[in-house]
C-alpha atoms as a PDB file:
ATOM      1  CA  MET A   1      11.505  15.827   8.356  1.00  0.00           C
ATOM      2  CA  ARG A   2      10.090  17.117  11.182  1.00  0.00           C
ATOM      3  CA  TRP A   3       6.702  16.351  12.967  1.00  0.00           C
ATOM      4  CA  SER A   4       4.257  17.947  15.275  1.00  0.00           C
ATOM      5  CA  ALA A   5       2.168  16.417  17.559  1.00  0.00           C
ATOM      6  CA  ASP A   6      -1.657  18.518  18.183  1.00  0.00           C
ATOM      7  CA  SER A   7      -4.254  17.654  19.896  1.00  0.00           C
ATOM      8  CA  SER A   8      -6.286  15.821  16.833  1.00  0.00           C
ATOM      9  CA  ARG A   9      -3.492  14.971  14.438  1.00  0.00           C
ATOM     10  CA  VAL A  10       0.157  15.076  13.446  1.00  0.00           C
ATOM     11  CA  VAL A  11       0.672  17.056  10.936  1.00  0.00           C
ATOM     12  CA  CYS A  12       2.819  16.647   8.471  1.00  0.00           C
ATOM     13  CA  ARG A  13       5.223  19.522   8.020  1.00  0.00           C
ATOM     14  CA  TRP A  14       6.823  19.209   5.409  1.00  0.00           C
ATOM     15  CA  ALA A  15       3.747  17.556   3.298  1.00  0.00           C
ATOM     16  CA  ALA A  16       3.815  20.790   0.921  1.00  0.00           C
ATOM     17  CA  VAL A  17       6.675  20.889   0.179  1.00  0.00           C
ATOM     18  CA  VAL A  18       6.117  16.963  -0.791  1.00  0.00           C
ATOM     19  CA  ASN A  19       3.013  17.800  -2.679  1.00  0.00           C
ATOM     20  CA  GLN A  20       4.830  20.535  -4.964  1.00  0.00           C
ATOM     21  CA  THR A  21       7.695  18.413  -5.421  1.00  0.00           C
ATOM     22  CA  GLY A  22       5.297  15.860  -6.367  1.00  0.00           C
ATOM     23  CA  LEU A  23       7.705  13.209  -3.427  1.00  0.00           C
ATOM     24  CA  MET A  24       5.839  10.601  -1.181  1.00  0.00           C
ATOM     25  CA  ALA A  25       6.489   8.706   1.132  1.00  0.00           C
ATOM     26  CA  SER A  26       7.882   5.478   1.367  1.00  0.00           C
ATOM     27  CA  PHE A  27       5.935   2.565   3.890  1.00  0.00           C
ATOM     28  CA  ALA A  28       8.687   3.294   6.044  1.00  0.00           C
ATOM     29  CA  ASP A  29       8.096   7.116   6.401  1.00  0.00           C
ATOM     30  CA  VAL A  30       4.223   6.267   7.192  1.00  0.00           C
ATOM     31  CA  GLU A  31       5.709   4.182  10.178  1.00  0.00           C
ATOM     32  CA  ASN A  32       7.935   6.107  11.461  1.00  0.00           C
ATOM     33  CA  VAL A  33       4.998   9.386  11.496  1.00  0.00           C
ATOM     34  CA  GLU A  34       2.107   6.566  12.279  1.00  0.00           C
ATOM     35  CA  PRO A  35       2.828   3.707  13.321  1.00  0.00           C
ATOM     36  CA  ASP A  36       0.220   1.401  15.142  1.00  0.00           C
ATOM     37  CA  LEU A  37      -1.922   3.260  11.784  1.00  0.00           C
ATOM     38  CA  ALA A  38       1.389   1.584   9.472  1.00  0.00           C
ATOM     39  CA  ASP A  39       1.040  -1.402  11.231  1.00  0.00           C
ATOM     40  CA  ARG A  40      -2.792  -1.858  10.683  1.00  0.00           C
ATOM     41  CA  VAL A  41      -2.590  -1.039   6.998  1.00  0.00           C
ATOM     42  CA  ARG A  42       0.118  -4.278   7.042  1.00  0.00           C
ATOM     43  CA  ALA A  43      -1.349  -6.850   9.013  1.00  0.00           C
ATOM     44  CA  ILE A  44      -5.241  -6.085   6.983  1.00  0.00           C
ATOM     45  CA  LEU A  45      -2.729  -5.778   3.496  1.00  0.00           C
ATOM     46  CA  SER A  46      -0.594  -9.103   5.066  1.00  0.00           C
ATOM     47  CA  SER A  47      -3.899 -11.324   6.403  1.00  0.00           C
ATOM     48  CA  THR A  48      -4.880 -11.762   2.312  1.00  0.00           C
ATOM     49  CA  THR A  49      -2.671 -13.907  -0.354  1.00  0.00           C
ATOM     50  CA  ASN A  50      -4.115 -10.911  -2.577  1.00  0.00           C
ATOM     51  CA  ALA A  51      -5.062  -7.569  -2.780  1.00  0.00           C
ATOM     52  CA  VAL A  52      -7.427  -4.909  -5.149  1.00  0.00           C
ATOM     53  CA  LEU A  53      -4.499  -3.362  -7.494  1.00  0.00           C
ATOM     54  CA  GLY A  54      -6.140   0.024  -9.431  1.00  0.00           C
ATOM     55  CA  THR A  55      -5.124   1.267 -12.099  1.00  0.00           C
ATOM     56  CA  ILE A  56      -5.247   3.923 -15.403  1.00  0.00           C
ATOM     57  CA  ARG A  57      -6.045   1.739 -18.638  1.00  0.00           C
ATOM     58  CA  ARG A  58      -4.396   3.457 -22.036  1.00  0.00           C
ATOM     59  CA  ASP A  59      -8.185   4.945 -22.222  1.00  0.00           C
ATOM     60  CA  GLY A  60      -8.196   6.528 -18.801  1.00  0.00           C
ATOM     61  CA  SER A  61     -10.727   3.850 -17.239  1.00  0.00           C
ATOM     62  CA  PRO A  62      -9.548   1.870 -14.342  1.00  0.00           C
ATOM     63  CA  ARG A  63      -8.242  -1.588 -14.239  1.00  0.00           C
ATOM     64  CA  LEU A  64      -8.910  -3.881 -11.420  1.00  0.00           C
ATOM     65  CA  SER A  65      -7.036  -5.825 -10.761  1.00  0.00           C
ATOM     66  CA  GLY A  66      -5.381  -8.934  -8.092  1.00  0.00           C
ATOM     67  CA  ALA A  67      -2.360  -8.278  -7.180  1.00  0.00           C
ATOM     68  CA  ASP A  68       0.108  -9.436  -4.599  1.00  0.00           C
ATOM     69  CA  PRO A  69       1.196  -6.989  -1.672  1.00  0.00           C
ATOM     70  CA  TYR A  70       4.826  -7.575  -0.138  1.00  0.00           C
ATOM     71  CA  PHE A  71       6.245  -5.583   3.284  1.00  0.00           C
ATOM     72  CA  HIS A  72      10.089  -5.042   2.253  1.00  0.00           C
ATOM     73  CA  ASP A  73      12.909  -3.736   2.723  1.00  0.00           C
ATOM     74  CA  GLY A  74      10.896  -0.540   3.686  1.00  0.00           C
ATOM     75  CA  GLN A  75       8.089  -0.602   1.132  1.00  0.00           C
ATOM     76  CA  LEU A  76       5.263  -1.507   0.144  1.00  0.00           C
ATOM     77  CA  CYS A  77       5.349  -4.038  -3.600  1.00  0.00           C
ATOM     78  CA  ILE A  78       3.904  -5.603  -6.605  1.00  0.00           C
ATOM     79  CA  TRP A  79       5.195  -7.679  -8.816  1.00  0.00           C
ATOM     80  CA  SER A  80       3.985  -7.734 -11.736  1.00  0.00           C
ATOM     81  CA  MET A  81       3.954 -11.690 -14.561  1.00  0.00           C
ATOM     82  CA  PRO A  82       5.809 -10.573 -17.765  1.00  0.00           C
ATOM     83  CA  ARG A  83       3.495  -8.850 -20.169  1.00  0.00           C
ATOM     84  CA  ALA A  84       1.213  -7.755 -17.532  1.00  0.00           C
ATOM     85  CA  ARG A  85      -2.088  -5.699 -18.402  1.00  0.00           C
ATOM     86  CA  LYS A  86      -1.668  -3.678 -14.284  1.00  0.00           C
ATOM     87  CA  GLY A  87       2.513  -3.874 -15.244  1.00  0.00           C
ATOM     88  CA  GLN A  88       1.748  -2.469 -18.381  1.00  0.00           C
ATOM     89  CA  ASP A  89      -0.569   0.324 -16.685  1.00  0.00           C
ATOM     90  CA  LEU A  90       2.426   1.323 -14.041  1.00  0.00           C
ATOM     91  CA  ARG A  91       4.586   1.736 -16.665  1.00  0.00           C
ATOM     92  CA  ARG A  92       2.642   4.061 -18.782  1.00  0.00           C
ATOM     93  CA  ASP A  93       0.749   5.784 -15.768  1.00  0.00           C
ATOM     94  CA  PRO A  94       2.015   4.816 -12.274  1.00  0.00           C
ATOM     95  CA  ARG A  95      -0.855   6.534 -10.447  1.00  0.00           C
ATOM     96  CA  VAL A  96      -1.750   3.235  -7.869  1.00  0.00           C
ATOM     97  CA  ALA A  97      -4.794   2.490  -6.031  1.00  0.00           C
ATOM     98  CA  VAL A  98      -4.426  -0.903  -2.788  1.00  0.00           C
ATOM     99  CA  HIS A  99      -6.903  -2.520  -1.836  1.00  0.00           C
ATOM    100  CA  SER A 100      -7.726  -5.160   0.791  1.00  0.00           C
ATOM    101  CA  ILE A 101      -9.894  -7.864   0.095  1.00  0.00           C
ATOM    102  CA  PRO A 102     -13.539  -6.716   1.897  1.00  0.00           C
ATOM    103  CA  TRP A 103     -13.862  -7.936   4.815  1.00  0.00           C
ATOM    104  CA  ASP A 104     -16.337 -10.120   4.377  1.00  0.00           C
ATOM    105  CA  SER A 105     -15.409 -11.831   1.536  1.00  0.00           C
ATOM    106  CA  ARG A 106     -11.130 -11.717   2.910  1.00  0.00           C
ATOM    107  CA  ARG A 107      -9.962 -15.276   3.370  1.00  0.00           C
ATOM    108  CA  LEU A 108      -6.897 -15.739   5.350  1.00  0.00           C
ATOM    109  CA  ARG A 109      -3.470 -16.930   4.579  1.00  0.00           C
ATOM    110  CA  ASP A 110      -2.271 -19.762   6.588  1.00  0.00           C
ATOM    111  CA  GLY A 111      -0.719 -18.193   9.348  1.00  0.00           C
ATOM    112  CA  ALA A 112      -2.920 -14.981   9.756  1.00  0.00           C
ATOM    113  CA  ALA A 113      -4.297 -13.021  12.281  1.00  0.00           C
ATOM    114  CA  ASP A 114      -7.144 -12.178  11.550  1.00  0.00           C
ATOM    115  CA  VAL A 115      -7.834  -8.673  11.497  1.00  0.00           C
ATOM    116  CA  GLY A 116     -11.184  -8.554  11.786  1.00  0.00           C
ATOM    117  CA  GLN A 117     -14.031  -6.254  10.335  1.00  0.00           C
ATOM    118  CA  ALA A 118     -11.225  -4.085   8.378  1.00  0.00           C
ATOM    119  CA  ASP A 119     -10.183  -2.877   5.294  1.00  0.00           C
ATOM    120  CA  ALA A 120      -6.976  -0.743   3.981  1.00  0.00           C
ATOM    121  CA  LYS A 121      -6.894   1.799   1.494  1.00  0.00           C
ATOM    122  CA  VAL A 122      -3.254   2.833   0.061  1.00  0.00           C
ATOM    123  CA  SER A 123      -2.894   5.403  -2.471  1.00  0.00           C
ATOM    124  CA  GLY A 124      -0.115   6.626  -4.216  1.00  0.00           C
ATOM    125  CA  THR A 125       2.878   5.702  -7.789  1.00  0.00           C
ATOM    126  CA  ALA A 126       4.237   2.931  -8.393  1.00  0.00           C
ATOM    127  CA  ALA A 127       7.464   2.849  -9.132  1.00  0.00           C
ATOM    128  CA  LEU A 128       9.405   0.510 -11.276  1.00  0.00           C
ATOM    129  CA  VAL A 129      12.545  -1.207  -9.740  1.00  0.00           C
ATOM    130  CA  SER A 130      15.974  -2.469 -12.057  1.00  0.00           C
ATOM    131  CA  ASP A 131      18.185  -2.199  -9.630  1.00  0.00           C
ATOM    132  CA  ALA A 132      19.541  -5.972 -10.436  1.00  0.00           C
ATOM    133  CA  GLY A 133      20.853  -5.977  -6.974  1.00  0.00           C
ATOM    134  CA  ALA A 134      17.443  -4.695  -5.726  1.00  0.00           C
ATOM    135  CA  LEU A 135      15.737  -7.505  -7.590  1.00  0.00           C
ATOM    136  CA  SER A 136      18.191  -9.899  -6.865  1.00  0.00           C
ATOM    137  CA  ALA A 137      17.420  -9.277  -3.082  1.00  0.00           C
ATOM    138  CA  PHE A 138      14.044  -9.406  -3.001  1.00  0.00           C
ATOM    139  CA  ARG A 139      13.899 -13.037  -4.932  1.00  0.00           C
ATOM    140  CA  VAL A 140      15.732 -14.608  -2.495  1.00  0.00           C
ATOM    141  CA  TRP A 141      13.711 -13.368   0.439  1.00  0.00           C
ATOM    142  CA  LEU A 142      11.032 -13.632  -1.278  1.00  0.00           C
ATOM    143  CA  ARG A 143      11.527 -17.775  -2.434  1.00  0.00           C
ATOM    144  CA  SER A 144      12.372 -17.837   1.894  1.00  0.00           C
ATOM    145  CA  GLU A 145       9.245 -15.687   3.045  1.00  0.00           C
ATOM    146  CA  ARG A 146       6.159 -17.189   0.930  1.00  0.00           C
ATOM    147  CA  GLY A 147       8.377 -19.825  -1.221  1.00  0.00           C
ATOM    148  CA  VAL A 148       7.276 -18.064  -4.464  1.00  0.00           C
ATOM    149  CA  GLU A 149       9.214 -18.587  -7.786  1.00  0.00           C
ATOM    150  CA  GLN A 150       9.125 -15.037 -10.140  1.00  0.00           C
ATOM    151  CA  PRO A 151       9.717 -15.621 -13.333  1.00  0.00           C
ATOM    152  CA  GLU A 152      12.334 -15.133 -15.321  1.00  0.00           C
ATOM    153  CA  ASP A 153      11.067 -11.456 -17.233  1.00  0.00           C
ATOM    154  CA  TRP A 154       9.551  -9.519 -14.187  1.00  0.00           C
ATOM    155  CA  ASP A 155       8.508  -6.411 -12.517  1.00  0.00           C
ATOM    156  CA  LEU A 156       8.409  -4.977  -9.779  1.00  0.00           C
ATOM    157  CA  PHE A 157       6.956  -2.045  -8.279  1.00  0.00           C
ATOM    158  CA  THR A 158       7.447  -0.406  -5.185  1.00  0.00           C
ATOM    159  CA  ILE A 159       4.765   2.160  -3.678  1.00  0.00           C
ATOM    160  CA  ASP A 160       5.369   5.469  -2.875  1.00  0.00           C
ATOM    161  CA  ILE A 161       2.065   6.248  -0.550  1.00  0.00           C
ATOM    162  CA  ASP A 162       0.276   9.889  -0.895  1.00  0.00           C
ATOM    163  CA  ALA A 163      -2.365   8.478   1.218  1.00  0.00           C
ATOM    164  CA  LEU A 164      -3.705   5.533   3.246  1.00  0.00           C
ATOM    165  CA  THR A 165      -6.583   4.882   5.237  1.00  0.00           C
ATOM    166  CA  VAL A 166      -8.248   1.579   7.458  1.00  0.00           C
ATOM    167  CA  ILE A 167     -12.493   1.423   7.467  1.00  0.00           C
ATOM    168  CA  SER A 168     -13.664  -0.218  10.399  1.00  0.00           C
ATOM    169  CA  VAL A 169     -16.075  -0.779  13.309  1.00  0.00           C
ATOM    170  CA  ASP A 170     -16.322  -0.302  16.575  1.00  0.00           C
ATOM    171  CA  ASN A 171     -19.903  -0.088  18.616  1.00  0.00           C
ATOM    172  CA  GLY A 172     -21.702  -0.632  15.235  1.00  0.00           C
ATOM    173  CA  GLN A 173     -19.685   3.214  14.076  1.00  0.00           C
ATOM    174  CA  LEU A 174     -18.066   3.097  10.956  1.00  0.00           C
ATOM    175  CA  VAL A 175     -14.533   5.049  11.629  1.00  0.00           C
ATOM    176  CA  VAL A 176     -12.620   5.371   8.612  1.00  0.00           C
ATOM    177  CA  GLU A 177      -9.183   6.515  10.015  1.00  0.00           C
ATOM    178  CA  ARG A 178      -6.459   8.074   7.173  1.00  0.00           C
ATOM    179  CA  TRP A 179      -3.193   9.652   6.414  1.00  0.00           C
ATOM    180  CA  SER A 180      -2.021  11.503   3.786  1.00  0.00           C
ATOM    181  CA  THR A 181       1.341  13.519   2.884  1.00  0.00           C
ATOM    182  CA  ALA A 182      -1.282  16.292   2.566  1.00  0.00           C
ATOM    183  CA  GLU A 183      -3.176  16.288   5.301  1.00  0.00           C
ATOM    184  CA  GLY A 184      -1.388  14.072   8.020  1.00  0.00           C
ATOM    185  CA  ARG A 185      -3.720  12.301  10.219  1.00  0.00           C
ATOM    186  CA  GLN A 186      -7.152  12.593  10.349  1.00  0.00           C
ATOM    187  CA  SER A 187      -9.935  10.270  11.655  1.00  0.00           C
ATOM    188  CA  MET A 188     -13.571  10.106  12.137  1.00  0.00           C
ATOM    189  CA  ARG A 189     -16.609   7.936  12.969  1.00  0.00           C
ATOM    190  CA  ARG A 190     -20.046   7.907  11.642  1.00  0.00           C
ATOM    191  CA  ALA A 191     -23.481   5.819  12.223  1.00  0.00           C
END
């Protein structure tokens, strides 16, 4: 991957190839090219226990569910209880969006830093993890990191990222900072 910077944004040299082949970026890939934006997304999504997960139902309509996002081994991950609708949705149609709990409704997770008035959004494609070693490593990590034990029959998904966005308020203006595989980094302010 080659990246070049100009005064307004970082431009992804492989973006056109990525989109033509259907490939997307891991969270680690985003951290490598946009570390400050990736750090903010991680902080916002990690500040609460839950986030809002958007999936596509069988009939094509959207479904919103609660989900616990985790950052593990360079990936943004979610897991699903056995036979949960969100997991069934992702197995059928892997398109996904993850949105932080809106700042006005946010209740911080114990020990999490206050991230202020900011929301994070990630869109991409969920990939079901089937490797037994990867599932076991995640299970051990989650137990030690959060004290959570998954049921025996659970689904773990990593999210291949197409775009991520942080929306915040600065001096009374709405600030939108976005990175995507197609357009690189963009920032805008609205009054």
